[in-house]
PDB file of N, CA and C in Angstrom:
ATOM      1  N   MET A   1      14.107  27.328 -38.405  1.00  0.00           N
ATOM      2  CA  MET A   1      14.421  28.384 -39.674  1.00  0.00           C
ATOM      3  C   MET A   1      12.373  28.425 -39.507  1.00  0.00           C
ATOM      4  N   ASN A   2      12.342  29.376 -39.049  1.00  0.00           N
ATOM      5  CA  ASN A   2      10.754  29.880 -39.422  1.00  0.00           C
ATOM      6  C   ASN A   2      10.259  29.752 -41.185  1.00  0.00           C
ATOM      7  N   HIS A   3       8.963  30.184 -40.410  1.00  0.00           N
ATOM      8  CA  HIS A   3       8.151  30.167 -42.050  1.00  0.00           C
ATOM      9  C   HIS A   3       8.778  31.202 -42.620  1.00  0.00           C
ATOM     10  N   TYR A   4       9.090  32.474 -42.130  1.00  0.00           N
ATOM     11  CA  TYR A   4       9.309  33.368 -43.101  1.00  0.00           C
ATOM     12  C   TYR A   4      10.387  33.433 -43.627  1.00  0.00           C
ATOM     13  N   GLU A   5      11.841  33.026 -42.992  1.00  0.00           N
ATOM     14  CA  GLU A   5      12.828  32.487 -43.271  1.00  0.00           C
ATOM     15  C   GLU A   5      13.125  31.869 -44.521  1.00  0.00           C
ATOM     16  N   LEU A   6      11.884  30.626 -44.505  1.00  0.00           N
ATOM     17  CA  LEU A   6      12.010  28.922 -44.781  1.00  0.00           C
ATOM     18  C   LEU A   6      11.567  29.948 -46.731  1.00  0.00           C
ATOM     19  N   THR A   7      10.832  30.710 -46.555  1.00  0.00           N
ATOM     20  CA  THR A   7      10.372  30.972 -48.204  1.00  0.00           C
ATOM     21  C   THR A   7      11.242  31.965 -48.341  1.00  0.00           C
ATOM     22  N   LEU A   8      11.805  32.603 -48.152  1.00  0.00           N
ATOM     23  CA  LEU A   8      12.729  33.317 -48.726  1.00  0.00           C
ATOM     24  C   LEU A   8      14.147  32.714 -48.904  1.00  0.00           C
ATOM     25  N   PHE A   9      14.041  31.768 -48.338  1.00  0.00           N
ATOM     26  CA  PHE A   9      15.148  31.032 -48.968  1.00  0.00           C
ATOM     27  C   PHE A   9      14.874  30.298 -49.739  1.00  0.00           C
ATOM     28  N   ASP A  10      13.784  29.391 -49.975  1.00  0.00           N
ATOM     29  CA  ASP A  10      12.997  28.824 -50.849  1.00  0.00           C
ATOM     30  C   ASP A  10      12.952  29.714 -52.470  1.00  0.00           C
ATOM     31  N   ASN A  11      12.569  30.940 -52.519  1.00  0.00           N
ATOM     32  CA  ASN A  11      12.533  32.065 -53.490  1.00  0.00           C
ATOM     33  C   ASN A  11      13.950  32.029 -54.353  1.00  0.00           C
ATOM     34  N   ASP A  12      14.943  31.852 -52.655  1.00  0.00           N
ATOM     35  CA  ASP A  12      16.338  32.302 -54.129  1.00  0.00           C
ATOM     36  C   ASP A  12      16.478  30.560 -54.532  1.00  0.00           C
ATOM     37  N   LEU A  13      16.264  29.912 -53.185  1.00  0.00           N
ATOM     38  CA  LEU A  13      16.682  28.377 -55.005  1.00  0.00           C
ATOM     39  C   LEU A  13      15.522  28.308 -55.992  1.00  0.00           C
ATOM     40  N   ALA A  14      15.024  28.423 -55.650  1.00  0.00           N
ATOM     41  CA  ALA A  14      14.073  28.634 -57.369  1.00  0.00           C
ATOM     42  C   ALA A  14      14.256  29.443 -58.080  1.00  0.00           C
ATOM     43  N   GLU A  15      15.204  30.914 -57.975  1.00  0.00           N
ATOM     44  CA  GLU A  15      15.559  31.540 -59.047  1.00  0.00           C
ATOM     45  C   GLU A  15      16.989  30.985 -59.438  1.00  0.00           C
ATOM     46  N   VAL A  16      17.715  30.212 -58.351  1.00  0.00           N
ATOM     47  CA  VAL A  16      18.810  29.576 -58.853  1.00  0.00           C
ATOM     48  C   VAL A  16      19.095  28.127 -59.462  1.00  0.00           C
ATOM     49  N   LEU A  17      17.566  27.231 -59.801  1.00  0.00           N
ATOM     50  CA  LEU A  17      17.067  26.358 -60.380  1.00  0.00           C
ATOM     51  C   LEU A  17      16.553  27.067 -62.001  1.00  0.00           C
ATOM     52  N   ARG A  18      15.725  27.873 -62.196  1.00  0.00           N
ATOM     53  CA  ARG A  18      15.410  28.676 -63.012  1.00  0.00           C
ATOM     54  C   ARG A  18      16.557  28.725 -64.090  1.00  0.00           C
ATOM     55  N   ARG A  19      17.519  30.013 -63.389  1.00  0.00           N
ATOM     56  CA  ARG A  19      18.689  30.535 -64.249  1.00  0.00           C
ATOM     57  C   ARG A  19      19.273  28.461 -64.923  1.00  0.00           C
ATOM     58  N   VAL A  20      19.910  27.777 -64.004  1.00  0.00           N
ATOM     59  CA  VAL A  20      19.933  26.172 -64.660  1.00  0.00           C
ATOM     60  C   VAL A  20      18.713  26.016 -65.727  1.00  0.00           C
ATOM     61  N   ALA A  21      17.332  25.904 -65.574  1.00  0.00           N
ATOM     62  CA  ALA A  21      16.405  25.187 -66.687  1.00  0.00           C
ATOM     63  C   ALA A  21      16.774  26.544 -67.972  1.00  0.00           C
ATOM     64  N   TYR A  22      17.304  27.846 -67.519  1.00  0.00           N
ATOM     65  CA  TYR A  22      17.295  28.464 -68.703  1.00  0.00           C
ATOM     66  C   TYR A  22      18.782  28.367 -69.388  1.00  0.00           C
ATOM     67  N   GLY A  23      19.905  27.505 -68.925  1.00  0.00           N
ATOM     68  CA  GLY A  23      21.210  27.896 -69.517  1.00  0.00           C
ATOM     69  C   GLY A  23      21.778  28.981 -68.952  1.00  0.00           C
ATOM     70  N   LYS A  24      21.885  30.003 -67.668  1.00  0.00           N
ATOM     71  CA  LYS A  24      22.998  31.051 -67.268  1.00  0.00           C
ATOM     72  C   LYS A  24      23.427  29.949 -66.183  1.00  0.00           C
ATOM     73  N   THR A  25      23.694  29.183 -65.689  1.00  0.00           N
ATOM     74  CA  THR A  25      24.409  28.767 -65.526  1.00  0.00           C
ATOM     75  C   THR A  25      24.583  27.199 -65.453  1.00  0.00           C
ATOM     76  N   ILE A  26      25.816  26.841 -65.201  1.00  0.00           N
ATOM     77  CA  ILE A  26      25.976  25.443 -65.385  1.00  0.00           C
ATOM     78  C   ILE A  26      25.913  24.495 -64.058  1.00  0.00           C
ATOM     79  N   PRO A  27      25.273  23.453 -64.045  1.00  0.00           N
ATOM     80  CA  PRO A  27      25.987  22.781 -62.383  1.00  0.00           C
ATOM     81  C   PRO A  27      26.720  22.113 -62.221  1.00  0.00           C
ATOM     82  N   THR A  28      27.331  21.523 -61.736  1.00  0.00           N
ATOM     83  CA  THR A  28      28.438  20.068 -61.536  1.00  0.00           C
ATOM     84  C   THR A  28      27.982  19.314 -60.598  1.00  0.00           C
ATOM     85  N   VAL A  29      28.013  18.062 -60.953  1.00  0.00           N
ATOM     86  CA  VAL A  29      27.671  17.350 -60.137  1.00  0.00           C
ATOM     87  C   VAL A  29      28.861  16.276 -59.010  1.00  0.00           C
ATOM     88  N   ILE A  30      28.747  16.527 -57.855  1.00  0.00           N
ATOM     89  CA  ILE A  30      29.376  15.759 -57.149  1.00  0.00           C
ATOM     90  C   ILE A  30      29.133  14.070 -56.170  1.00  0.00           C
ATOM     91  N   GLY A  31      29.492  13.579 -56.742  1.00  0.00           N
ATOM     92  CA  GLY A  31      29.656  12.005 -56.426  1.00  0.00           C
ATOM     93  C   GLY A  31      29.172  11.400 -57.643  1.00  0.00           C
ATOM     94  N   ARG A  32      28.132  10.651 -57.470  1.00  0.00           N
ATOM     95  CA  ARG A  32      27.805   9.985 -58.384  1.00  0.00           C
ATOM     96  C   ARG A  32      26.872  10.565 -59.468  1.00  0.00           C
ATOM     97  N   THR A  33      26.721  10.223 -60.581  1.00  0.00           N
ATOM     98  CA  THR A  33      26.036  10.911 -61.583  1.00  0.00           C
ATOM     99  C   THR A  33      24.441  10.404 -62.177  1.00  0.00           C
ATOM    100  N   TRP A  34      23.885  11.454 -62.409  1.00  0.00           N
ATOM    101  CA  TRP A  34      22.309  10.823 -63.123  1.00  0.00           C
ATOM    102  C   TRP A  34      22.214   9.622 -63.201  1.00  0.00           C
ATOM    103  N   ASP A  35      22.519   9.294 -64.047  1.00  0.00           N
ATOM    104  CA  ASP A  35      22.655   7.741 -65.121  1.00  0.00           C
ATOM    105  C   ASP A  35      23.202   6.883 -63.631  1.00  0.00           C
ATOM    106  N   GLU A  36      24.010   6.673 -62.775  1.00  0.00           N
ATOM    107  CA  GLU A  36      24.500   5.784 -61.898  1.00  0.00           C
ATOM    108  C   GLU A  36      23.255   5.883 -60.825  1.00  0.00           C
ATOM    109  N   VAL A  37      22.777   6.856 -60.729  1.00  0.00           N
ATOM    110  CA  VAL A  37      21.492   6.476 -59.765  1.00  0.00           C
ATOM    111  C   VAL A  37      20.108   6.069 -60.215  1.00  0.00           C
ATOM    112  N   GLN A  38      19.418   5.150 -60.025  1.00  0.00           N
ATOM    113  CA  GLN A  38      18.484   5.017 -60.380  1.00  0.00           C
ATOM    114  C   GLN A  38      17.074   5.456 -59.609  1.00  0.00           C
ATOM    115  N   ALA A  39      17.288   5.119 -57.835  1.00  0.00           N
ATOM    116  CA  ALA A  39      16.502   5.911 -57.155  1.00  0.00           C
ATOM    117  C   ALA A  39      17.377   6.061 -55.694  1.00  0.00           C
ATOM    118  N   GLY A  40      17.465   7.360 -56.122  1.00  0.00           N
ATOM    119  CA  GLY A  40      18.638   7.865 -54.803  1.00  0.00           C
ATOM    120  C   GLY A  40      18.901   9.882 -55.307  1.00  0.00           C
ATOM    121  N   ASN A  41      19.741   9.893 -54.292  1.00  0.00           N
ATOM    122  CA  ASN A  41      19.968  11.515 -54.197  1.00  0.00           C
ATOM    123  C   ASN A  41      21.181  11.697 -55.022  1.00  0.00           C
ATOM    124  N   VAL A  42      21.300  12.769 -55.775  1.00  0.00           N
ATOM    125  CA  VAL A  42      22.588  13.449 -56.363  1.00  0.00           C
ATOM    126  C   VAL A  42      22.885  14.587 -56.474  1.00  0.00           C
ATOM    127  N   THR A  43      23.915  15.120 -56.204  1.00  0.00           N
ATOM    128  CA  THR A  43      24.415  16.008 -55.609  1.00  0.00           C
ATOM    129  C   THR A  43      25.176  16.961 -56.647  1.00  0.00           C
ATOM    130  N   PHE A  44      24.202  18.130 -56.339  1.00  0.00           N
ATOM    131  CA  PHE A  44      24.915  19.334 -57.180  1.00  0.00           C
ATOM    132  C   PHE A  44      25.080  20.171 -56.433  1.00  0.00           C
ATOM    133  N   GLU A  45      26.367  20.948 -57.332  1.00  0.00           N
ATOM    134  CA  GLU A  45      26.821  22.384 -57.101  1.00  0.00           C
ATOM    135  C   GLU A  45      26.544  23.251 -57.739  1.00  0.00           C
ATOM    136  N   ILE A  46      26.110  24.234 -57.477  1.00  0.00           N
ATOM    137  CA  ILE A  46      25.471  25.726 -58.535  1.00  0.00           C
ATOM    138  C   ILE A  46      25.336  27.042 -57.890  1.00  0.00           C
ATOM    139  N   GLU A  47      26.507  27.622 -58.783  1.00  0.00           N
ATOM    140  CA  GLU A  47      26.539  28.949 -58.051  1.00  0.00           C
ATOM    141  C   GLU A  47      26.855  29.232 -56.329  1.00  0.00           C
ATOM    142  N   GLY A  48      27.840  28.145 -55.836  1.00  0.00           N
ATOM    143  CA  GLY A  48      27.922  27.995 -54.867  1.00  0.00           C
ATOM    144  C   GLY A  48      26.761  27.086 -53.876  1.00  0.00           C
ATOM    145  N   TRP A  49      25.675  27.061 -54.321  1.00  0.00           N
ATOM    146  CA  TRP A  49      24.571  26.238 -53.681  1.00  0.00           C
ATOM    147  C   TRP A  49      25.261  24.439 -53.607  1.00  0.00           C
ATOM    148  N   THR A  50      24.866  23.815 -52.617  1.00  0.00           N
ATOM    149  CA  THR A  50      24.650  22.575 -52.931  1.00  0.00           C
ATOM    150  C   THR A  50      23.138  21.917 -52.855  1.00  0.00           C
ATOM    151  N   ILE A  51      22.907  21.150 -53.509  1.00  0.00           N
ATOM    152  CA  ILE A  51      21.592  21.209 -54.112  1.00  0.00           C
ATOM    153  C   ILE A  51      21.536  19.379 -53.978  1.00  0.00           C
ATOM    154  N   VAL A  52      20.885  18.863 -53.275  1.00  0.00           N
ATOM    155  CA  VAL A  52      21.017  17.467 -53.095  1.00  0.00           C
ATOM    156  C   VAL A  52      18.760  16.981 -53.831  1.00  0.00           C
ATOM    157  N   ILE A  53      19.244  16.665 -55.090  1.00  0.00           N
ATOM    158  CA  ILE A  53      17.757  15.809 -55.882  1.00  0.00           C
ATOM    159  C   ILE A  53      17.753  14.801 -55.749  1.00  0.00           C
ATOM    160  N   PHE A  54      16.456  14.584 -55.386  1.00  0.00           N
ATOM    161  CA  PHE A  54      16.343  12.631 -55.563  1.00  0.00           C
ATOM    162  C   PHE A  54      16.022  12.615 -56.900  1.00  0.00           C
ATOM    163  N   ASN A  55      16.488  11.867 -57.453  1.00  0.00           N
ATOM    164  CA  ASN A  55      16.456  10.876 -58.949  1.00  0.00           C
ATOM    165  C   ASN A  55      14.930   9.958 -58.700  1.00  0.00           C
ATOM    166  N   ASP A  56      14.121   9.966 -59.249  1.00  0.00           N
ATOM    167  CA  ASP A  56      13.314   8.822 -59.039  1.00  0.00           C
ATOM    168  C   ASP A  56      13.097   7.770 -60.422  1.00  0.00           C
ATOM    169  N   GLY A  57      13.843   6.655 -61.329  1.00  0.00           N
ATOM    170  CA  GLY A  57      13.900   6.286 -61.751  1.00  0.00           C
ATOM    171  C   GLY A  57      14.027   7.800 -63.766  1.00  0.00           C
ATOM    172  N   ASP A  58      14.972   7.958 -63.028  1.00  0.00           N
ATOM    173  CA  ASP A  58      15.388   9.249 -64.281  1.00  0.00           C
ATOM    174  C   ASP A  58      14.369  10.602 -63.945  1.00  0.00           C
ATOM    175  N   SER A  59      13.425  10.975 -62.856  1.00  0.00           N
ATOM    176  CA  SER A  59      12.525  12.141 -62.511  1.00  0.00           C
ATOM    177  C   SER A  59      12.994  13.236 -61.407  1.00  0.00           C
ATOM    178  N   LEU A  60      13.067  14.109 -61.860  1.00  0.00           N
ATOM    179  CA  LEU A  60      12.882  14.977 -60.267  1.00  0.00           C
ATOM    180  C   LEU A  60      12.277  14.448 -59.514  1.00  0.00           C
ATOM    181  N   ASP A  61      12.143  14.162 -58.768  1.00  0.00           N
ATOM    182  CA  ASP A  61      11.018  13.933 -57.693  1.00  0.00           C
ATOM    183  C   ASP A  61      10.926  14.846 -56.569  1.00  0.00           C
ATOM    184  N   TYR A  62      12.134  15.189 -55.460  1.00  0.00           N
ATOM    185  CA  TYR A  62      12.190  16.413 -54.548  1.00  0.00           C
ATOM    186  C   TYR A  62      13.596  16.693 -54.527  1.00  0.00           C
ATOM    187  N   ILE A  63      13.290  17.566 -54.042  1.00  0.00           N
ATOM    188  CA  ILE A  63      14.868  18.108 -53.467  1.00  0.00           C
ATOM    189  C   ILE A  63      14.703  17.861 -51.850  1.00  0.00           C
ATOM    190  N   ASP A  64      15.869  17.144 -51.574  1.00  0.00           N
ATOM    191  CA  ASP A  64      16.308  16.244 -50.134  1.00  0.00           C
ATOM    192  C   ASP A  64      16.987  17.343 -49.518  1.00  0.00           C
ATOM    193  N   GLU A  65      18.276  18.403 -49.828  1.00  0.00           N
ATOM    194  CA  GLU A  65      18.893  19.069 -48.581  1.00  0.00           C
ATOM    195  C   GLU A  65      19.583  19.825 -49.825  1.00  0.00           C
ATOM    196  N   VAL A  66      19.249  21.566 -49.559  1.00  0.00           N
ATOM    197  CA  VAL A  66      19.994  22.116 -49.798  1.00  0.00           C
ATOM    198  C   VAL A  66      20.676  23.235 -48.417  1.00  0.00           C
ATOM    199  N   THR A  67      22.298  23.257 -49.435  1.00  0.00           N
ATOM    200  CA  THR A  67      23.219  24.714 -47.956  1.00  0.00           C
ATOM    201  C   THR A  67      23.678  25.474 -49.352  1.00  0.00           C
ATOM    202  N   ALA A  68      22.728  26.326 -48.770  1.00  0.00           N
ATOM    203  CA  ALA A  68      23.147  28.052 -49.766  1.00  0.00           C
ATOM    204  C   ALA A  68      24.487  28.827 -49.258  1.00  0.00           C
ATOM    205  N   PRO A  69      24.897  29.565 -50.329  1.00  0.00           N
ATOM    206  CA  PRO A  69      26.322  29.702 -49.912  1.00  0.00           C
ATOM    207  C   PRO A  69      26.854  30.745 -48.617  1.00  0.00           C
ATOM    208  N   ASP A  70      25.111  31.196 -48.400  1.00  0.00           N
ATOM    209  CA  ASP A  70      25.794  31.787 -46.959  1.00  0.00           C
ATOM    210  C   ASP A  70      25.656  31.281 -45.707  1.00  0.00           C
ATOM    211  N   GLY A  71      25.325  29.937 -45.694  1.00  0.00           N
ATOM    212  CA  GLY A  71      25.555  28.585 -44.769  1.00  0.00           C
ATOM    213  C   GLY A  71      24.060  28.121 -44.284  1.00  0.00           C
ATOM    214  N   ARG A  72      23.159  29.348 -45.190  1.00  0.00           N
ATOM    215  CA  ARG A  72      21.627  28.352 -44.782  1.00  0.00           C
ATOM    216  C   ARG A  72      21.604  27.145 -44.972  1.00  0.00           C
ATOM    217  N   HIS A  73      20.677  26.200 -44.295  1.00  0.00           N
ATOM    218  CA  HIS A  73      20.198  24.958 -44.654  1.00  0.00           C
ATOM    219  C   HIS A  73      18.780  23.979 -44.657  1.00  0.00           C
ATOM    220  N   ALA A  74      18.337  23.566 -45.640  1.00  0.00           N
ATOM    221  CA  ALA A  74      17.178  23.462 -45.031  1.00  0.00           C
ATOM    222  C   ALA A  74      17.076  21.628 -45.956  1.00  0.00           C
ATOM    223  N   ASP A  75      15.916  21.447 -45.514  1.00  0.00           N
ATOM    224  CA  ASP A  75      16.404  19.691 -45.488  1.00  0.00           C
ATOM    225  C   ASP A  75      14.443  19.233 -45.928  1.00  0.00           C
ATOM    226  N   PHE A  76      14.401  18.091 -46.549  1.00  0.00           N
ATOM    227  CA  PHE A  76      13.090  17.951 -46.623  1.00  0.00           C
ATOM    228  C   PHE A  76      11.960  17.473 -45.862  1.00  0.00           C
ATOM    229  N   ASP A  77      12.508  17.254 -44.167  1.00  0.00           N
ATOM    230  CA  ASP A  77      11.864  17.486 -43.036  1.00  0.00           C
ATOM    231  C   ASP A  77      11.250  18.856 -42.872  1.00  0.00           C
ATOM    232  N   ASP A  78      12.003  19.996 -43.237  1.00  0.00           N
ATOM    233  CA  ASP A  78      11.882  21.523 -42.881  1.00  0.00           C
ATOM    234  C   ASP A  78      10.973  21.999 -44.091  1.00  0.00           C
ATOM    235  N   TRP A  79      10.876  20.952 -44.843  1.00  0.00           N
ATOM    236  CA  TRP A  79       9.312  21.417 -46.061  1.00  0.00           C
ATOM    237  C   TRP A  79       8.479  20.653 -45.934  1.00  0.00           C
ATOM    238  N   SER A  80       8.538  19.574 -45.226  1.00  0.00           N
ATOM    239  CA  SER A  80       7.841  18.716 -45.325  1.00  0.00           C
ATOM    240  C   SER A  80       7.146  18.888 -43.367  1.00  0.00           C
ATOM    241  N   ASN A  81       7.650  19.217 -43.175  1.00  0.00           N
ATOM    242  CA  ASN A  81       6.723  19.824 -41.037  1.00  0.00           C
ATOM    243  C   ASN A  81       6.623  21.436 -40.993  1.00  0.00           C
ATOM    244  N   ASN A  82       6.178  21.737 -42.268  1.00  0.00           N
ATOM    245  CA  ASN A  82       6.400  22.987 -42.611  1.00  0.00           C
ATOM    246  C   ASN A  82       4.507  23.049 -42.743  1.00  0.00           C
ATOM    247  N   PRO A  83       3.846  23.197 -41.784  1.00  0.00           N
ATOM    248  CA  PRO A  83       2.126  23.067 -42.918  1.00  0.00           C
ATOM    249  C   PRO A  83       1.545  24.311 -43.608  1.00  0.00           C
ATOM    250  N   LYS A  84       2.292  25.522 -43.810  1.00  0.00           N
ATOM    251  CA  LYS A  84       2.301  26.704 -44.585  1.00  0.00           C
ATOM    252  C   LYS A  84       2.924  26.474 -45.551  1.00  0.00           C
ATOM    253  N   LEU A  85       3.664  25.594 -45.594  1.00  0.00           N
ATOM    254  CA  LEU A  85       4.870  25.610 -47.077  1.00  0.00           C
ATOM    255  C   LEU A  85       4.561  23.453 -47.302  1.00  0.00           C
ATOM    256  N   GLY A  86       4.190  22.538 -46.509  1.00  0.00           N
ATOM    257  CA  GLY A  86       3.927  21.660 -46.454  1.00  0.00           C
ATOM    258  C   GLY A  86       4.309  21.011 -48.056  1.00  0.00           C
ATOM    259  N   CYS A  87       5.764  21.217 -49.137  1.00  0.00           N
ATOM    260  CA  CYS A  87       6.515  19.924 -49.885  1.00  0.00           C
ATOM    261  C   CYS A  87       7.620  21.261 -49.957  1.00  0.00           C
ATOM    262  N   ASP A  88       8.473  20.753 -50.941  1.00  0.00           N
ATOM    263  CA  ASP A  88       9.942  20.609 -51.302  1.00  0.00           C
ATOM    264  C   ASP A  88      10.047  21.790 -52.494  1.00  0.00           C
ATOM    265  N   PRO A  89      10.770  22.495 -52.566  1.00  0.00           N
ATOM    266  CA  PRO A  89      10.903  23.848 -53.604  1.00  0.00           C
ATOM    267  C   PRO A  89      10.296  23.427 -54.936  1.00  0.00           C
ATOM    268  N   LEU A  90      10.029  21.944 -55.672  1.00  0.00           N
ATOM    269  CA  LEU A  90      10.165  21.361 -56.311  1.00  0.00           C
ATOM    270  C   LEU A  90       8.739  21.824 -56.827  1.00  0.00           C
ATOM    271  N   ARG A  91       7.356  21.157 -55.682  1.00  0.00           N
ATOM    272  CA  ARG A  91       7.062  21.652 -55.990  1.00  0.00           C
ATOM    273  C   ARG A  91       5.547  22.931 -55.876  1.00  0.00           C
ATOM    274  N   ARG A  92       6.354  23.342 -55.181  1.00  0.00           N
ATOM    275  CA  ARG A  92       5.679  24.314 -54.802  1.00  0.00           C
ATOM    276  C   ARG A  92       6.152  26.005 -55.915  1.00  0.00           C
ATOM    277  N   TYR A  93       7.635  25.584 -56.506  1.00  0.00           N
ATOM    278  CA  TYR A  93       7.646  25.900 -57.558  1.00  0.00           C
ATOM    279  C   TYR A  93       7.284  25.976 -59.122  1.00  0.00           C
ATOM    280  N   GLY A  94       6.029  25.067 -58.822  1.00  0.00           N
ATOM    281  CA  GLY A  94       5.975  24.560 -59.973  1.00  0.00           C
ATOM    282  C   GLY A  94       5.324  25.590 -60.988  1.00  0.00           C
ATOM    283  N   SER A  95       5.912  26.702 -60.298  1.00  0.00           N
ATOM    284  CA  SER A  95       5.471  27.986 -61.068  1.00  0.00           C
ATOM    285  C   SER A  95       6.426  28.050 -62.892  1.00  0.00           C
ATOM    286  N   MET A  96       7.636  27.014 -62.630  1.00  0.00           N
ATOM    287  CA  MET A  96       8.177  26.400 -63.739  1.00  0.00           C
ATOM    288  C   MET A  96       7.591  25.626 -64.075  1.00  0.00           C
ATOM    289  N   GLY A  97       6.779  26.001 -65.117  1.00  0.00           N
ATOM    290  CA  GLY A  97       5.758  24.799 -66.407  1.00  0.00           C
ATOM    291  C   GLY A  97       6.925  23.699 -66.957  1.00  0.00           C
ATOM    292  N   PRO A  98       5.834  22.711 -67.725  1.00  0.00           N
ATOM    293  CA  PRO A  98       6.485  21.325 -67.783  1.00  0.00           C
ATOM    294  C   PRO A  98       7.638  21.984 -68.456  1.00  0.00           C
ATOM    295  N   ARG A  99       7.888  22.802 -69.591  1.00  0.00           N
ATOM    296  CA  ARG A  99       9.024  23.151 -70.619  1.00  0.00           C
ATOM    297  C   ARG A  99      10.370  23.249 -69.454  1.00  0.00           C
ATOM    298  N   GLU A 100      10.031  24.211 -68.217  1.00  0.00           N
ATOM    299  CA  GLU A 100      11.224  24.302 -67.793  1.00  0.00           C
ATOM    300  C   GLU A 100      11.510  23.451 -66.929  1.00  0.00           C
ATOM    301  N   SER A 101      10.712  23.001 -66.006  1.00  0.00           N
ATOM    302  CA  SER A 101      11.304  21.367 -65.645  1.00  0.00           C
ATOM    303  C   SER A 101      11.879  20.487 -66.437  1.00  0.00           C
ATOM    304  N   ALA A 102      11.481  20.225 -67.925  1.00  0.00           N
ATOM    305  CA  ALA A 102      12.551  19.284 -68.385  1.00  0.00           C
ATOM    306  C   ALA A 102      13.654  20.198 -69.058  1.00  0.00           C
ATOM    307  N   ASP A 103      14.000  21.351 -68.875  1.00  0.00           N
ATOM    308  CA  ASP A 103      14.990  21.648 -69.317  1.00  0.00           C
ATOM    309  C   ASP A 103      15.654  21.401 -67.988  1.00  0.00           C
ATOM    310  N   LEU A 104      15.020  22.046 -66.829  1.00  0.00           N
ATOM    311  CA  LEU A 104      15.933  21.872 -65.867  1.00  0.00           C
ATOM    312  C   LEU A 104      16.803  20.421 -65.411  1.00  0.00           C
ATOM    313  N   LEU A 105      15.541  19.176 -65.892  1.00  0.00           N
ATOM    314  CA  LEU A 105      16.255  17.878 -65.876  1.00  0.00           C
ATOM    315  C   LEU A 105      17.256  17.831 -66.818  1.00  0.00           C
ATOM    316  N   ASN A 106      16.979  17.888 -68.166  1.00  0.00           N
ATOM    317  CA  ASN A 106      18.046  18.120 -69.152  1.00  0.00           C
ATOM    318  C   ASN A 106      19.497  19.019 -68.446  1.00  0.00           C
ATOM    319  N   ALA A 107      19.622  20.026 -68.318  1.00  0.00           N
ATOM    320  CA  ALA A 107      20.525  20.671 -68.022  1.00  0.00           C
ATOM    321  C   ALA A 107      21.188  19.887 -66.625  1.00  0.00           C
ATOM    322  N   LEU A 108      20.544  19.018 -65.819  1.00  0.00           N
ATOM    323  CA  LEU A 108      21.196  18.274 -64.417  1.00  0.00           C
ATOM    324  C   LEU A 108      21.791  17.383 -65.151  1.00  0.00           C
ATOM    325  N   LYS A 109      20.867  16.360 -66.088  1.00  0.00           N
ATOM    326  CA  LYS A 109      21.526  15.310 -66.659  1.00  0.00           C
ATOM    327  C   LYS A 109      22.744  15.395 -67.381  1.00  0.00           C
ATOM    328  N   ALA A 110      22.679  16.469 -68.214  1.00  0.00           N
ATOM    329  CA  ALA A 110      24.134  16.484 -69.420  1.00  0.00           C
ATOM    330  C   ALA A 110      25.442  17.160 -68.124  1.00  0.00           C
ATOM    331  N   ALA A 111      24.858  17.597 -66.884  1.00  0.00           N
ATOM    332  CA  ALA A 111      25.864  17.826 -66.002  1.00  0.00           C
ATOM    333  C   ALA A 111      26.808  16.842 -65.908  1.00  0.00           C
ATOM    334  N   THR A 112      26.248  15.896 -65.657  1.00  0.00           N
ATOM    335  CA  THR A 112      26.695  14.465 -64.885  1.00  0.00           C
ATOM    336  C   THR A 112      26.975  13.943 -65.929  1.00  0.00           C
ATOM    337  N   ALA A 113      26.295  13.732 -66.956  1.00  0.00           N
ATOM    338  CA  ALA A 113      26.639  13.345 -68.673  1.00  0.00           C
ATOM    339  C   ALA A 113      28.325  13.439 -69.339  1.00  0.00           C
ATOM    340  N   SER A 114      28.657  14.778 -68.898  1.00  0.00           N
ATOM    341  CA  SER A 114      30.147  15.401 -68.774  1.00  0.00           C
ATOM    342  C   SER A 114      31.148  15.051 -67.595  1.00  0.00           C
ATOM    343  N   VAL A 115      30.587  14.806 -66.533  1.00  0.00           N
ATOM    344  CA  VAL A 115      31.383  14.381 -65.520  1.00  0.00           C
ATOM    345  C   VAL A 115      31.643  12.704 -65.937  1.00  0.00           C
ATOM    346  N   ALA A 116      30.419  11.969 -66.391  1.00  0.00           N
ATOM    347  CA  ALA A 116      31.227  10.911 -66.528  1.00  0.00           C
ATOM    348  C   ALA A 116      31.661  10.310 -68.137  1.00  0.00           C
ATOM    349  N   SER A 117      31.876  11.241 -69.519  1.00  0.00           N
ATOM    350  CA  SER A 117      32.628  11.055 -70.214  1.00  0.00           C
ATOM    351  C   SER A 117      33.874  11.280 -69.620  1.00  0.00           C
ATOM    352  N   THR A 118      34.408  12.063 -68.526  1.00  0.00           N
ATOM    353  CA  THR A 118      35.705  12.886 -68.285  1.00  0.00           C
ATOM    354  C   THR A 118      36.554  11.858 -67.955  1.00  0.00           C
ATOM    355  N   SER A 119      35.765  10.797 -66.850  1.00  0.00           N
ATOM    356  CA  SER A 119      36.385  10.300 -65.764  1.00  0.00           C
ATOM    357  C   SER A 119      37.241   8.933 -66.692  1.00  0.00           C
ATOM    358  N   PRO A 120      38.359   8.619 -66.665  1.00  0.00           N
ATOM    359  CA  PRO A 120      38.857   7.863 -66.431  1.00  0.00           C
ATOM    360  C   PRO A 120      38.189   6.306 -66.399  1.00  0.00           C
TER     361      PRO A 120
END
């Protein structure tokens, strides 16, 4: 993905994450829940997007990889190896203020908690 394509991809991704933070869409956890992972990846499905976020001691550390519903894909290396971008979307789109970031984390944790509470 070139810089322009990655930027458009990131804008789309940022919008999905904002909708989660604002409670307009509900993520679904795939696999291990947020509380089960103290340091590692947690995978979410959100509006057809598959988003893998690194949980570092109960904090949103970085986005490890993403696949969009249309098949576009980017991972940590795409973001870190692009000198114009230099970091993953959680850092670059820090226009989400502390409240939005906290709301996003709470929504992701709530999605995993509901899975944990319905497991046998």
